[in-house]
Amino acid sequence: MHTDNGIETLIDLNGNIVQQERGYWVEIHAWRVAPTVLIPHGIRYALTLHEQSGTRVLGYDNAHAVKPSGRFNYAGQVLPYDHKHRHIADKGVLYEFKDAYQLLRDFFEDVDRVLKETEK
């Protein structure tokens, strides 16, 4: 029996905007692509949280590679595309994509964290 580990659920959410408290909103984009070394799970995605002005304050995506922090030479290496932006100015940190259900859980846990932090 084949299980898609949430891929169809994530794709079904493509284009959805979910209103959050205090004028924030979540936007979800996800679609299938041919699996590659850079996108082995075969799905492109962008899950973002925006503040009232429209500025993205949190995002999970795989639109580009992000170099891990540190002073290592990554020339010639294939860097994973899955990453997250933890705040407005964050250039991105690696995110370990396990499956689409875990991606959704991790993203919405971070959404809850950000919204709670903005209450202060």
PDB file of N, CA and C in Angstrom:
ATOM      1  N   MET A   1       0.836  -1.194   0.000  1.00  0.00           N
ATOM      2  CA  MET A   1       0.000   0.000   0.000  1.00  0.00           C
ATOM      3  C   MET A   1       0.876   1.251   0.000  1.00  0.00           C
ATOM      4  N   HIS A   2       0.567   2.185  -0.879  1.00  0.00           N
ATOM      5  CA  HIS A   2       1.351   3.418  -1.003  1.00  0.00           C
ATOM      6  C   HIS A   2       0.762   4.507  -0.113  1.00  0.00           C
ATOM      7  N   THR A   3       1.603   5.144   0.672  1.00  0.00           N
ATOM      8  CA  THR A   3       1.160   6.304   1.447  1.00  0.00           C
ATOM      9  C   THR A   3       1.954   7.512   0.978  1.00  0.00           C
ATOM     10  N   ASP A   4       1.291   8.640   0.894  1.00  0.00           N
ATOM     11  CA  ASP A   4       1.972   9.833   0.391  1.00  0.00           C
ATOM     12  C   ASP A   4       2.478  10.737   1.506  1.00  0.00           C
ATOM     13  N   ASN A   5       2.266  10.348   2.771  1.00  0.00           N
ATOM     14  CA  ASN A   5       2.762  11.112   3.920  1.00  0.00           C
ATOM     15  C   ASN A   5       2.382  12.585   3.871  1.00  0.00           C
ATOM     16  N   GLY A   6       1.172  12.850   3.405  1.00  0.00           N
ATOM     17  CA  GLY A   6       0.653  14.206   3.447  1.00  0.00           C
ATOM     18  C   GLY A   6       0.844  15.038   2.203  1.00  0.00           C
ATOM     19  N   ILE A   7       1.486  14.498   1.181  1.00  0.00           N
ATOM     20  CA  ILE A   7       1.728  15.280  -0.037  1.00  0.00           C
ATOM     21  C   ILE A   7       0.403  15.762  -0.632  1.00  0.00           C
ATOM     22  N   GLU A   8      -0.575  14.878  -0.751  1.00  0.00           N
ATOM     23  CA  GLU A   8      -1.877  15.277  -1.330  1.00  0.00           C
ATOM     24  C   GLU A   8      -2.561  16.327  -0.460  1.00  0.00           C
ATOM     25  N   THR A   9      -2.461  16.183   0.860  1.00  0.00           N
ATOM     26  CA  THR A   9      -3.045  17.179   1.765  1.00  0.00           C
ATOM     27  C   THR A   9      -2.400  18.540   1.544  1.00  0.00           C
ATOM     28  N   LEU A  10      -1.083  18.556   1.450  1.00  0.00           N
ATOM     29  CA  LEU A  10      -0.372  19.808   1.226  1.00  0.00           C
ATOM     30  C   LEU A  10      -0.755  20.422  -0.121  1.00  0.00           C
ATOM     31  N   ILE A  11      -0.821  19.610  -1.158  1.00  0.00           N
ATOM     32  CA  ILE A  11      -1.206  20.115  -2.481  1.00  0.00           C
ATOM     33  C   ILE A  11      -2.635  20.645  -2.464  1.00  0.00           C
ATOM     34  N   ASP A  12      -3.532  19.958  -1.732  1.00  0.00           N
ATOM     35  CA  ASP A  12      -4.915  20.428  -1.625  1.00  0.00           C
ATOM     36  C   ASP A  12      -5.004  21.804  -0.966  1.00  0.00           C
ATOM     37  N   LEU A  13      -4.006  22.160  -0.160  1.00  0.00           N
ATOM     38  CA  LEU A  13      -3.991  23.464   0.511  1.00  0.00           C
ATOM     39  C   LEU A  13      -3.421  24.582  -0.369  1.00  0.00           C
ATOM     40  N   ASN A  14      -2.903  24.216  -1.551  1.00  0.00           N
ATOM     41  CA  ASN A  14      -2.301  25.200  -2.446  1.00  0.00           C
ATOM     42  C   ASN A  14      -3.255  26.371  -2.708  1.00  0.00           C
ATOM     43  N   GLY A  15      -2.736  27.575  -2.535  1.00  0.00           N
ATOM     44  CA  GLY A  15      -3.516  28.779  -2.799  1.00  0.00           C
ATOM     45  C   GLY A  15      -4.369  29.254  -1.637  1.00  0.00           C
ATOM     46  N   ASN A  16      -4.379  28.513  -0.536  1.00  0.00           N
ATOM     47  CA  ASN A  16      -5.197  28.905   0.611  1.00  0.00           C
ATOM     48  C   ASN A  16      -4.552  30.036   1.401  1.00  0.00           C
ATOM     49  N   ILE A  17      -5.400  30.916   1.872  1.00  0.00           N
ATOM     50  CA  ILE A  17      -5.000  31.962   2.804  1.00  0.00           C
ATOM     51  C   ILE A  17      -5.846  31.751   4.053  1.00  0.00           C
ATOM     52  N   VAL A  18      -5.171  31.633   5.192  1.00  0.00           N
ATOM     53  CA  VAL A  18      -5.846  31.344   6.453  1.00  0.00           C
ATOM     54  C   VAL A  18      -5.643  32.534   7.389  1.00  0.00           C
ATOM     55  N   GLN A  19      -6.723  33.193   7.736  1.00  0.00           N
ATOM     56  CA  GLN A  19      -6.652  34.342   8.626  1.00  0.00           C
ATOM     57  C   GLN A  19      -6.236  33.890  10.030  1.00  0.00           C
ATOM     58  N   GLN A  20      -5.409  34.702  10.656  1.00  0.00           N
ATOM     59  CA  GLN A  20      -4.946  34.449  12.012  1.00  0.00           C
ATOM     60  C   GLN A  20      -5.374  35.631  12.885  1.00  0.00           C
ATOM     61  N   GLU A  21      -5.054  35.562  14.145  1.00  0.00           N
ATOM     62  CA  GLU A  21      -5.444  36.639  15.049  1.00  0.00           C
ATOM     63  C   GLU A  21      -4.682  37.930  14.764  1.00  0.00           C
ATOM     64  N   ARG A  22      -5.244  39.055  15.176  1.00  0.00           N
ATOM     65  CA  ARG A  22      -4.652  40.391  15.078  1.00  0.00           C
ATOM     66  C   ARG A  22      -4.223  40.779  13.666  1.00  0.00           C
ATOM     67  N   GLY A  23      -4.936  40.299  12.651  1.00  0.00           N
ATOM     68  CA  GLY A  23      -4.679  40.703  11.286  1.00  0.00           C
ATOM     69  C   GLY A  23      -3.585  39.948  10.565  1.00  0.00           C
ATOM     70  N   TYR A  24      -2.960  39.000  11.212  1.00  0.00           N
ATOM     71  CA  TYR A  24      -1.954  38.159  10.550  1.00  0.00           C
ATOM     72  C   TYR A  24      -2.661  37.156   9.657  1.00  0.00           C
ATOM     73  N   TRP A  25      -1.934  36.624   8.661  1.00  0.00           N
ATOM     74  CA  TRP A  25      -2.491  35.551   7.847  1.00  0.00           C
ATOM     75  C   TRP A  25      -1.398  34.616   7.366  1.00  0.00           C
ATOM     76  N   VAL A  26      -1.819  33.377   7.065  1.00  0.00           N
ATOM     77  CA  VAL A  26      -0.935  32.336   6.532  1.00  0.00           C
ATOM     78  C   VAL A  26      -1.296  32.136   5.069  1.00  0.00           C
ATOM     79  N   GLU A  27      -0.277  31.993   4.242  1.00  0.00           N
ATOM     80  CA  GLU A  27      -0.478  31.704   2.818  1.00  0.00           C
ATOM     81  C   GLU A  27       0.262  30.409   2.492  1.00  0.00           C
ATOM     82  N   ILE A  28      -0.396  29.513   1.762  1.00  0.00           N
ATOM     83  CA  ILE A  28       0.180  28.204   1.446  1.00  0.00           C
ATOM     84  C   ILE A  28       0.205  27.992  -0.061  1.00  0.00           C
ATOM     85  N   HIS A  29       1.389  27.627  -0.559  1.00  0.00           N
ATOM     86  CA  HIS A  29       1.545  27.256  -1.963  1.00  0.00           C
ATOM     87  C   HIS A  29       2.315  25.941  -2.005  1.00  0.00           C
ATOM     88  N   ALA A  30       1.833  24.987  -2.792  1.00  0.00           N
ATOM     89  CA  ALA A  30       2.508  23.691  -2.923  1.00  0.00           C
ATOM     90  C   ALA A  30       2.069  23.021  -4.215  1.00  0.00           C
ATOM     91  N   TRP A  31       3.023  22.458  -4.934  1.00  0.00           N
ATOM     92  CA  TRP A  31       2.701  21.746  -6.168  1.00  0.00           C
ATOM     93  C   TRP A  31       3.772  20.698  -6.428  1.00  0.00           C
ATOM     94  N   ARG A  32       3.391  19.701  -7.192  1.00  0.00           N
ATOM     95  CA  ARG A  32       4.315  18.619  -7.540  1.00  0.00           C
ATOM     96  C   ARG A  32       5.312  19.084  -8.599  1.00  0.00           C
ATOM     97  N   VAL A  33       6.522  18.560  -8.469  1.00  0.00           N
ATOM     98  CA  VAL A  33       7.564  18.727  -9.474  1.00  0.00           C
ATOM     99  C   VAL A  33       8.260  17.378  -9.617  1.00  0.00           C
ATOM    100  N   ALA A  34       9.003  17.225 -10.666  1.00  0.00           N
ATOM    101  CA  ALA A  34       9.776  15.993 -10.826  1.00  0.00           C
ATOM    102  C   ALA A  34      10.833  15.940  -9.722  1.00  0.00           C
ATOM    103  N   PRO A  35      10.948  14.818  -9.026  1.00  0.00           N
ATOM    104  CA  PRO A  35      11.989  14.702  -7.990  1.00  0.00           C
ATOM    105  C   PRO A  35      13.387  14.905  -8.595  1.00  0.00           C
ATOM    106  N   THR A  36      14.212  15.629  -7.864  1.00  0.00           N
ATOM    107  CA  THR A  36      15.599  15.870  -8.268  1.00  0.00           C
ATOM    108  C   THR A  36      16.480  15.700  -7.039  1.00  0.00           C
ATOM    109  N   VAL A  37      17.764  15.839  -7.233  1.00  0.00           N
ATOM    110  CA  VAL A  37      18.685  15.797  -6.103  1.00  0.00           C
ATOM    111  C   VAL A  37      18.355  16.936  -5.127  1.00  0.00           C
ATOM    112  N   LEU A  38      17.973  18.095  -5.665  1.00  0.00           N
ATOM    113  CA  LEU A  38      17.683  19.260  -4.829  1.00  0.00           C
ATOM    114  C   LEU A  38      16.308  19.181  -4.167  1.00  0.00           C
ATOM    115  N   ILE A  39      15.362  18.528  -4.824  1.00  0.00           N
ATOM    116  CA  ILE A  39      13.996  18.401  -4.309  1.00  0.00           C
ATOM    117  C   ILE A  39      13.586  16.926  -4.411  1.00  0.00           C
ATOM    118  N   PRO A  40      14.170  16.075  -3.567  1.00  0.00           N
ATOM    119  CA  PRO A  40      13.953  14.631  -3.692  1.00  0.00           C
ATOM    120  C   PRO A  40      12.527  14.175  -3.404  1.00  0.00           C
ATOM    121  N   HIS A  41      11.771  14.967  -2.642  1.00  0.00           N
ATOM    122  CA  HIS A  41      10.394  14.590  -2.296  1.00  0.00           C
ATOM    123  C   HIS A  41       9.408  14.969  -3.391  1.00  0.00           C
ATOM    124  N   GLY A  42       9.846  15.695  -4.415  1.00  0.00           N
ATOM    125  CA  GLY A  42       9.006  16.004  -5.565  1.00  0.00           C
ATOM    126  C   GLY A  42       7.894  17.003  -5.305  1.00  0.00           C
ATOM    127  N   ILE A  43       8.117  17.911  -4.374  1.00  0.00           N
ATOM    128  CA  ILE A  43       7.110  18.943  -4.100  1.00  0.00           C
ATOM    129  C   ILE A  43       7.805  20.275  -3.848  1.00  0.00           C
ATOM    130  N   ARG A  44       7.313  21.311  -4.517  1.00  0.00           N
ATOM    131  CA  ARG A  44       7.764  22.677  -4.249  1.00  0.00           C
ATOM    132  C   ARG A  44       6.744  23.287  -3.311  1.00  0.00           C
ATOM    133  N   TYR A  45       7.224  24.086  -2.365  1.00  0.00           N
ATOM    134  CA  TYR A  45       6.293  24.669  -1.404  1.00  0.00           C
ATOM    135  C   TYR A  45       6.799  26.001  -0.876  1.00  0.00           C
ATOM    136  N   ALA A  46       5.849  26.808  -0.432  1.00  0.00           N
ATOM    137  CA  ALA A  46       6.126  28.049   0.275  1.00  0.00           C
ATOM    138  C   ALA A  46       4.978  28.247   1.258  1.00  0.00           C
ATOM    139  N   LEU A  47       5.286  28.160   2.535  1.00  0.00           N
ATOM    140  CA  LEU A  47       4.314  28.371   3.608  1.00  0.00           C
ATOM    141  C   LEU A  47       4.774  29.615   4.348  1.00  0.00           C
ATOM    142  N   THR A  48       3.949  30.652   4.375  1.00  0.00           N
ATOM    143  CA  THR A  48       4.385  31.923   4.937  1.00  0.00           C
ATOM    144  C   THR A  48       3.357  32.505   5.901  1.00  0.00           C
ATOM    145  N   LEU A  49       3.862  33.218   6.896  1.00  0.00           N
ATOM    146  CA  LEU A  49       3.032  33.988   7.823  1.00  0.00           C
ATOM    147  C   LEU A  49       3.337  35.450   7.561  1.00  0.00           C
ATOM    148  N   HIS A  50       2.275  36.249   7.402  1.00  0.00           N
ATOM    149  CA  HIS A  50       2.413  37.678   7.103  1.00  0.00           C
ATOM    150  C   HIS A  50       1.766  38.498   8.212  1.00  0.00           C
ATOM    151  N   GLU A  51       2.376  39.655   8.494  1.00  0.00           N
ATOM    152  CA  GLU A  51       1.768  40.579   9.448  1.00  0.00           C
ATOM    153  C   GLU A  51       0.768  41.468   8.713  1.00  0.00           C
ATOM    154  N   GLN A  52       0.103  42.340   9.459  1.00  0.00           N
ATOM    155  CA  GLN A  52      -0.970  43.172   8.922  1.00  0.00           C
ATOM    156  C   GLN A  52      -0.554  43.960   7.688  1.00  0.00           C
ATOM    157  N   SER A  53       0.683  44.416   7.634  1.00  0.00           N
ATOM    158  CA  SER A  53       1.159  45.226   6.506  1.00  0.00           C
ATOM    159  C   SER A  53       1.445  44.388   5.255  1.00  0.00           C
ATOM    160  N   GLY A  54       1.444  43.071   5.404  1.00  0.00           N
ATOM    161  CA  GLY A  54       1.756  42.186   4.291  1.00  0.00           C
ATOM    162  C   GLY A  54       3.171  41.640   4.322  1.00  0.00           C
ATOM    163  N   THR A  55       3.989  42.131   5.228  1.00  0.00           N
ATOM    164  CA  THR A  55       5.375  41.678   5.337  1.00  0.00           C
ATOM    165  C   THR A  55       5.428  40.241   5.842  1.00  0.00           C
ATOM    166  N   ARG A  56       6.251  39.424   5.174  1.00  0.00           N
ATOM    167  CA  ARG A  56       6.440  38.043   5.641  1.00  0.00           C
ATOM    168  C   ARG A  56       7.264  38.069   6.918  1.00  0.00           C
ATOM    169  N   VAL A  57       6.767  37.410   7.956  1.00  0.00           N
ATOM    170  CA  VAL A  57       7.495  37.346   9.222  1.00  0.00           C
ATOM    171  C   VAL A  57       7.994  35.939   9.527  1.00  0.00           C
ATOM    172  N   LEU A  58       7.536  34.949   8.768  1.00  0.00           N
ATOM    173  CA  LEU A  58       7.960  33.565   8.946  1.00  0.00           C
ATOM    174  C   LEU A  58       7.722  32.844   7.633  1.00  0.00           C
ATOM    175  N   GLY A  59       8.625  31.978   7.249  1.00  0.00           N
ATOM    176  CA  GLY A  59       8.399  31.234   6.023  1.00  0.00           C
ATOM    177  C   GLY A  59       9.167  29.926   5.977  1.00  0.00           C
ATOM    178  N   TYR A  60       8.537  28.926   5.408  1.00  0.00           N
ATOM    179  CA  TYR A  60       9.172  27.641   5.102  1.00  0.00           C
ATOM    180  C   TYR A  60       9.073  27.486   3.594  1.00  0.00           C
ATOM    181  N   ASP A  61      10.198  27.211   2.922  1.00  0.00           N
ATOM    182  CA  ASP A  61      10.131  27.028   1.477  1.00  0.00           C
ATOM    183  C   ASP A  61      11.325  26.237   0.977  1.00  0.00           C
ATOM    184  N   ASN A  62      11.278  25.931  -0.302  1.00  0.00           N
ATOM    185  CA  ASN A  62      12.412  25.263  -0.942  1.00  0.00           C
ATOM    186  C   ASN A  62      12.670  25.897  -2.310  1.00  0.00           C
ATOM    187  N   ALA A  63      12.690  27.209  -2.330  1.00  0.00           N
ATOM    188  CA  ALA A  63      12.908  27.954  -3.571  1.00  0.00           C
ATOM    189  C   ALA A  63      14.387  28.095  -3.922  1.00  0.00           C
ATOM    190  N   HIS A  64      15.265  27.928  -2.942  1.00  0.00           N
ATOM    191  CA  HIS A  64      16.699  28.094  -3.171  1.00  0.00           C
ATOM    192  C   HIS A  64      17.469  27.395  -2.061  1.00  0.00           C
ATOM    193  N   ALA A  65      18.735  27.181  -2.292  1.00  0.00           N
ATOM    194  CA  ALA A  65      19.594  26.581  -1.276  1.00  0.00           C
ATOM    195  C   ALA A  65      19.995  27.628  -0.246  1.00  0.00           C
ATOM    196  N   VAL A  66      20.269  27.162   0.957  1.00  0.00           N
ATOM    197  CA  VAL A  66      20.757  28.032   2.012  1.00  0.00           C
ATOM    198  C   VAL A  66      22.045  27.409   2.538  1.00  0.00           C
ATOM    199  N   LYS A  67      23.100  28.217   2.573  1.00  0.00           N
ATOM    200  CA  LYS A  67      24.355  27.708   3.103  1.00  0.00           C
ATOM    201  C   LYS A  67      24.244  27.573   4.614  1.00  0.00           C
ATOM    202  N   PRO A  68      24.661  26.424   5.152  1.00  0.00           N
ATOM    203  CA  PRO A  68      24.667  26.279   6.608  1.00  0.00           C
ATOM    204  C   PRO A  68      25.609  27.300   7.229  1.00  0.00           C
ATOM    205  N   SER A  69      25.330  27.698   8.463  1.00  0.00           N
ATOM    206  CA  SER A  69      26.208  28.660   9.119  1.00  0.00           C
ATOM    207  C   SER A  69      27.536  27.990   9.440  1.00  0.00           C
ATOM    208  N   GLY A  70      28.548  28.784   9.554  1.00  0.00           N
ATOM    209  CA  GLY A  70      29.878  28.260   9.852  1.00  0.00           C
ATOM    210  C   GLY A  70      30.862  28.678   8.788  1.00  0.00           C
ATOM    211  N   ARG A  71      32.101  28.326   8.984  1.00  0.00           N
ATOM    212  CA  ARG A  71      33.163  28.753   8.075  1.00  0.00           C
ATOM    213  C   ARG A  71      33.657  27.587   7.222  1.00  0.00           C
ATOM    214  N   PHE A  72      32.725  26.863   6.635  1.00  0.00           N
ATOM    215  CA  PHE A  72      33.098  25.721   5.817  1.00  0.00           C
ATOM    216  C   PHE A  72      33.008  26.095   4.342  1.00  0.00           C
ATOM    217  N   ASN A  73      33.785  25.423   3.526  1.00  0.00           N
ATOM    218  CA  ASN A  73      33.754  25.648   2.086  1.00  0.00           C
ATOM    219  C   ASN A  73      32.746  24.686   1.467  1.00  0.00           C
ATOM    220  N   TYR A  74      31.702  25.209   0.845  1.00  0.00           N
ATOM    221  CA  TYR A  74      30.660  24.378   0.254  1.00  0.00           C
ATOM    222  C   TYR A  74      30.743  24.344  -1.265  1.00  0.00           C
ATOM    223  N   ALA A  75      31.840  24.831  -1.822  1.00  0.00           N
ATOM    224  CA  ALA A  75      31.997  24.849  -3.277  1.00  0.00           C
ATOM    225  C   ALA A  75      31.880  23.439  -3.832  1.00  0.00           C
ATOM    226  N   GLY A  76      31.059  23.289  -4.853  1.00  0.00           N
ATOM    227  CA  GLY A  76      30.893  21.996  -5.507  1.00  0.00           C
ATOM    228  C   GLY A  76      29.946  21.041  -4.814  1.00  0.00           C
ATOM    229  N   GLN A  77      29.430  21.397  -3.653  1.00  0.00           N
ATOM    230  CA  GLN A  77      28.508  20.528  -2.936  1.00  0.00           C
ATOM    231  C   GLN A  77      27.070  20.863  -3.302  1.00  0.00           C
ATOM    232  N   VAL A  78      26.216  19.852  -3.257  1.00  0.00           N
ATOM    233  CA  VAL A  78      24.791  20.062  -3.461  1.00  0.00           C
ATOM    234  C   VAL A  78      24.180  20.371  -2.099  1.00  0.00           C
ATOM    235  N   LEU A  79      23.636  21.563  -1.970  1.00  0.00           N
ATOM    236  CA  LEU A  79      23.026  21.972  -0.707  1.00  0.00           C
ATOM    237  C   LEU A  79      21.523  21.801  -0.800  1.00  0.00           C
ATOM    238  N   PRO A  80      20.898  21.308   0.262  1.00  0.00           N
ATOM    239  CA  PRO A  80      19.453  21.106   0.220  1.00  0.00           C
ATOM    240  C   PRO A  80      18.695  22.418   0.076  1.00  0.00           C
ATOM    241  N   TYR A  81      17.554  22.359  -0.572  1.00  0.00           N
ATOM    242  CA  TYR A  81      16.725  23.538  -0.782  1.00  0.00           C
ATOM    243  C   TYR A  81      15.761  23.790   0.381  1.00  0.00           C
ATOM    244  N   ASP A  82      15.402  22.780   1.131  1.00  0.00           N
ATOM    245  CA  ASP A  82      14.428  22.939   2.216  1.00  0.00           C
ATOM    246  C   ASP A  82      15.026  23.808   3.324  1.00  0.00           C
ATOM    247  N   HIS A  83      14.305  24.880   3.658  1.00  0.00           N
ATOM    248  CA  HIS A  83      14.777  25.780   4.705  1.00  0.00           C
ATOM    249  C   HIS A  83      13.610  26.577   5.276  1.00  0.00           C
ATOM    250  N   LYS A  84      13.911  27.330   6.335  1.00  0.00           N
ATOM    251  CA  LYS A  84      12.898  28.212   6.914  1.00  0.00           C
ATOM    252  C   LYS A  84      13.532  29.555   7.238  1.00  0.00           C
ATOM    253  N   HIS A  85      12.686  30.580   7.188  1.00  0.00           N
ATOM    254  CA  HIS A  85      13.057  31.945   7.559  1.00  0.00           C
ATOM    255  C   HIS A  85      12.335  32.218   8.878  1.00  0.00           C
ATOM    256  N   ARG A  86      13.099  32.366   9.956  1.00  0.00           N
ATOM    257  CA  ARG A  86      12.514  32.449  11.308  1.00  0.00           C
ATOM    258  C   ARG A  86      11.983  33.823  11.674  1.00  0.00           C
ATOM    259  N   HIS A  87      12.377  34.846  10.924  1.00  0.00           N
ATOM    260  CA  HIS A  87      11.917  36.212  11.184  1.00  0.00           C
ATOM    261  C   HIS A  87      12.139  37.036   9.928  1.00  0.00           C
ATOM    262  N   ILE A  88      11.739  38.281   9.963  1.00  0.00           N
ATOM    263  CA  ILE A  88      11.756  39.136   8.779  1.00  0.00           C
ATOM    264  C   ILE A  88      13.134  39.187   8.123  1.00  0.00           C
ATOM    265  N   ALA A  89      14.189  39.347   8.899  1.00  0.00           N
ATOM    266  CA  ALA A  89      15.527  39.540   8.343  1.00  0.00           C
ATOM    267  C   ALA A  89      16.309  38.239   8.145  1.00  0.00           C
ATOM    268  N   ASP A  90      15.733  37.106   8.511  1.00  0.00           N
ATOM    269  CA  ASP A  90      16.442  35.824   8.437  1.00  0.00           C
ATOM    270  C   ASP A  90      16.646  35.402   6.986  1.00  0.00           C
ATOM    271  N   LYS A  91      17.895  35.141   6.602  1.00  0.00           N
ATOM    272  CA  LYS A  91      18.214  34.690   5.242  1.00  0.00           C
ATOM    273  C   LYS A  91      17.883  33.214   5.053  1.00  0.00           C
ATOM    274  N   GLY A  92      17.576  32.525   6.147  1.00  0.00           N
ATOM    275  CA  GLY A  92      17.187  31.127   6.070  1.00  0.00           C
ATOM    276  C   GLY A  92      18.144  30.199   6.783  1.00  0.00           C
ATOM    277  N   VAL A  93      17.584  29.170   7.381  1.00  0.00           N
ATOM    278  CA  VAL A  93      18.347  28.090   8.000  1.00  0.00           C
ATOM    279  C   VAL A  93      17.809  26.779   7.448  1.00  0.00           C
ATOM    280  N   LEU A  94      18.655  25.780   7.411  1.00  0.00           N
ATOM    281  CA  LEU A  94      18.246  24.495   6.870  1.00  0.00           C
ATOM    282  C   LEU A  94      17.047  23.931   7.628  1.00  0.00           C
ATOM    283  N   TYR A  95      16.172  23.282   6.897  1.00  0.00           N
ATOM    284  CA  TYR A  95      15.024  22.583   7.466  1.00  0.00           C
ATOM    285  C   TYR A  95      15.062  21.151   6.951  1.00  0.00           C
ATOM    286  N   GLU A  96      14.975  20.192   7.842  1.00  0.00           N
ATOM    287  CA  GLU A  96      14.998  18.792   7.430  1.00  0.00           C
ATOM    288  C   GLU A  96      13.581  18.338   7.080  1.00  0.00           C
ATOM    289  N   PHE A  97      13.311  18.218   5.793  1.00  0.00           N
ATOM    290  CA  PHE A  97      12.002  17.773   5.324  1.00  0.00           C
ATOM    291  C   PHE A  97      11.898  16.268   5.539  1.00  0.00           C
ATOM    292  N   LYS A  98      10.927  15.864   6.385  1.00  0.00           N
ATOM    293  CA  LYS A  98      10.694  14.432   6.625  1.00  0.00           C
ATOM    294  C   LYS A  98       9.509  13.961   5.799  1.00  0.00           C
ATOM    295  N   ASP A  99       8.404  14.694   5.898  1.00  0.00           N
ATOM    296  CA  ASP A  99       7.223  14.454   5.080  1.00  0.00           C
ATOM    297  C   ASP A  99       6.331  15.684   5.182  1.00  0.00           C
ATOM    298  N   ALA A 100       5.300  15.727   4.365  1.00  0.00           N
ATOM    299  CA  ALA A 100       4.451  16.919   4.294  1.00  0.00           C
ATOM    300  C   ALA A 100       3.670  17.149   5.589  1.00  0.00           C
ATOM    301  N   TYR A 101       3.235  16.069   6.242  1.00  0.00           N
ATOM    302  CA  TYR A 101       2.527  16.238   7.517  1.00  0.00           C
ATOM    303  C   TYR A 101       3.434  16.906   8.546  1.00  0.00           C
ATOM    304  N   GLN A 102       4.693  16.459   8.630  1.00  0.00           N
ATOM    305  CA  GLN A 102       5.627  17.055   9.583  1.00  0.00           C
ATOM    306  C   GLN A 102       5.905  18.512   9.223  1.00  0.00           C
ATOM    307  N   LEU A 103       6.026  18.801   7.934  1.00  0.00           N
ATOM    308  CA  LEU A 103       6.209  20.184   7.484  1.00  0.00           C
ATOM    309  C   LEU A 103       5.073  21.066   7.986  1.00  0.00           C
ATOM    310  N   LEU A 104       3.840  20.625   7.808  1.00  0.00           N
ATOM    311  CA  LEU A 104       2.684  21.401   8.258  1.00  0.00           C
ATOM    312  C   LEU A 104       2.684  21.564   9.777  1.00  0.00           C
ATOM    313  N   ARG A 105       2.987  20.483  10.504  1.00  0.00           N
ATOM    314  CA  ARG A 105       3.043  20.575  11.979  1.00  0.00           C
ATOM    315  C   ARG A 105       4.103  21.580  12.411  1.00  0.00           C
ATOM    316  N   ASP A 106       5.309  21.453  11.858  1.00  0.00           N
ATOM    317  CA  ASP A 106       6.402  22.347  12.249  1.00  0.00           C
ATOM    318  C   ASP A 106       6.071  23.805  11.914  1.00  0.00           C
ATOM    319  N   PHE A 107       5.529  24.033  10.734  1.00  0.00           N
ATOM    320  CA  PHE A 107       5.192  25.393  10.328  1.00  0.00           C
ATOM    321  C   PHE A 107       4.157  26.003  11.267  1.00  0.00           C
ATOM    322  N   PHE A 108       3.064  25.279  11.524  1.00  0.00           N
ATOM    323  CA  PHE A 108       2.012  25.862  12.367  1.00  0.00           C
ATOM    324  C   PHE A 108       2.432  25.977  13.831  1.00  0.00           C
ATOM    325  N   GLU A 109       3.350  25.149  14.297  1.00  0.00           N
ATOM    326  CA  GLU A 109       3.915  25.352  15.639  1.00  0.00           C
ATOM    327  C   GLU A 109       4.694  26.659  15.674  1.00  0.00           C
ATOM    328  N   ASP A 110       5.464  26.940  14.615  1.00  0.00           N
ATOM    329  CA  ASP A 110       6.191  28.209  14.547  1.00  0.00           C
ATOM    330  C   ASP A 110       5.237  29.395  14.402  1.00  0.00           C
ATOM    331  N   VAL A 111       4.154  29.233  13.644  1.00  0.00           N
ATOM    332  CA  VAL A 111       3.143  30.290  13.536  1.00  0.00           C
ATOM    333  C   VAL A 111       2.602  30.603  14.924  1.00  0.00           C
ATOM    334  N   ASP A 112       2.223  29.577  15.678  1.00  0.00           N
ATOM    335  CA  ASP A 112       1.708  29.784  17.036  1.00  0.00           C
ATOM    336  C   ASP A 112       2.737  30.494  17.914  1.00  0.00           C
ATOM    337  N   ARG A 113       4.006  30.099  17.786  1.00  0.00           N
ATOM    338  CA  ARG A 113       5.073  30.723  18.579  1.00  0.00           C
ATOM    339  C   ARG A 113       5.206  32.208  18.234  1.00  0.00           C
ATOM    340  N   VAL A 114       5.234  32.533  16.947  1.00  0.00           N
ATOM    341  CA  VAL A 114       5.393  33.925  16.508  1.00  0.00           C
ATOM    342  C   VAL A 114       4.206  34.757  16.988  1.00  0.00           C
ATOM    343  N   LEU A 115       2.995  34.232  16.817  1.00  0.00           N
ATOM    344  CA  LEU A 115       1.810  34.988  17.246  1.00  0.00           C
ATOM    345  C   LEU A 115       1.821  35.214  18.751  1.00  0.00           C
ATOM    346  N   LYS A 116       2.272  34.224  19.504  1.00  0.00           N
ATOM    347  CA  LYS A 116       2.343  34.384  20.959  1.00  0.00           C
ATOM    348  C   LYS A 116       3.385  35.441  21.318  1.00  0.00           C
ATOM    349  N   GLU A 117       4.524  35.434  20.620  1.00  0.00           N
ATOM    350  CA  GLU A 117       5.572  36.424  20.881  1.00  0.00           C
ATOM    351  C   GLU A 117       5.109  37.840  20.559  1.00  0.00           C
ATOM    352  N   THR A 118       4.236  37.993  19.579  1.00  0.00           N
ATOM    353  CA  THR A 118       3.775  39.329  19.202  1.00  0.00           C
ATOM    354  C   THR A 118       2.720  39.881  20.165  1.00  0.00           C
ATOM    355  N   GLU A 119       2.212  39.037  21.048  1.00  0.00           N
ATOM    356  CA  GLU A 119       1.231  39.498  22.054  1.00  0.00           C
ATOM    357  C   GLU A 119       1.892  40.378  23.093  1.00  0.00           C
ATOM    358  N   LYS A 120       3.196  40.224  23.280  1.00  0.00           N
ATOM    359  CA  LYS A 120       3.917  40.908  24.361  1.00  0.00           C
ATOM    360  C   LYS A 120       4.100  42.375  24.087  1.00  0.00           C
TER     361      LYS A 120
END
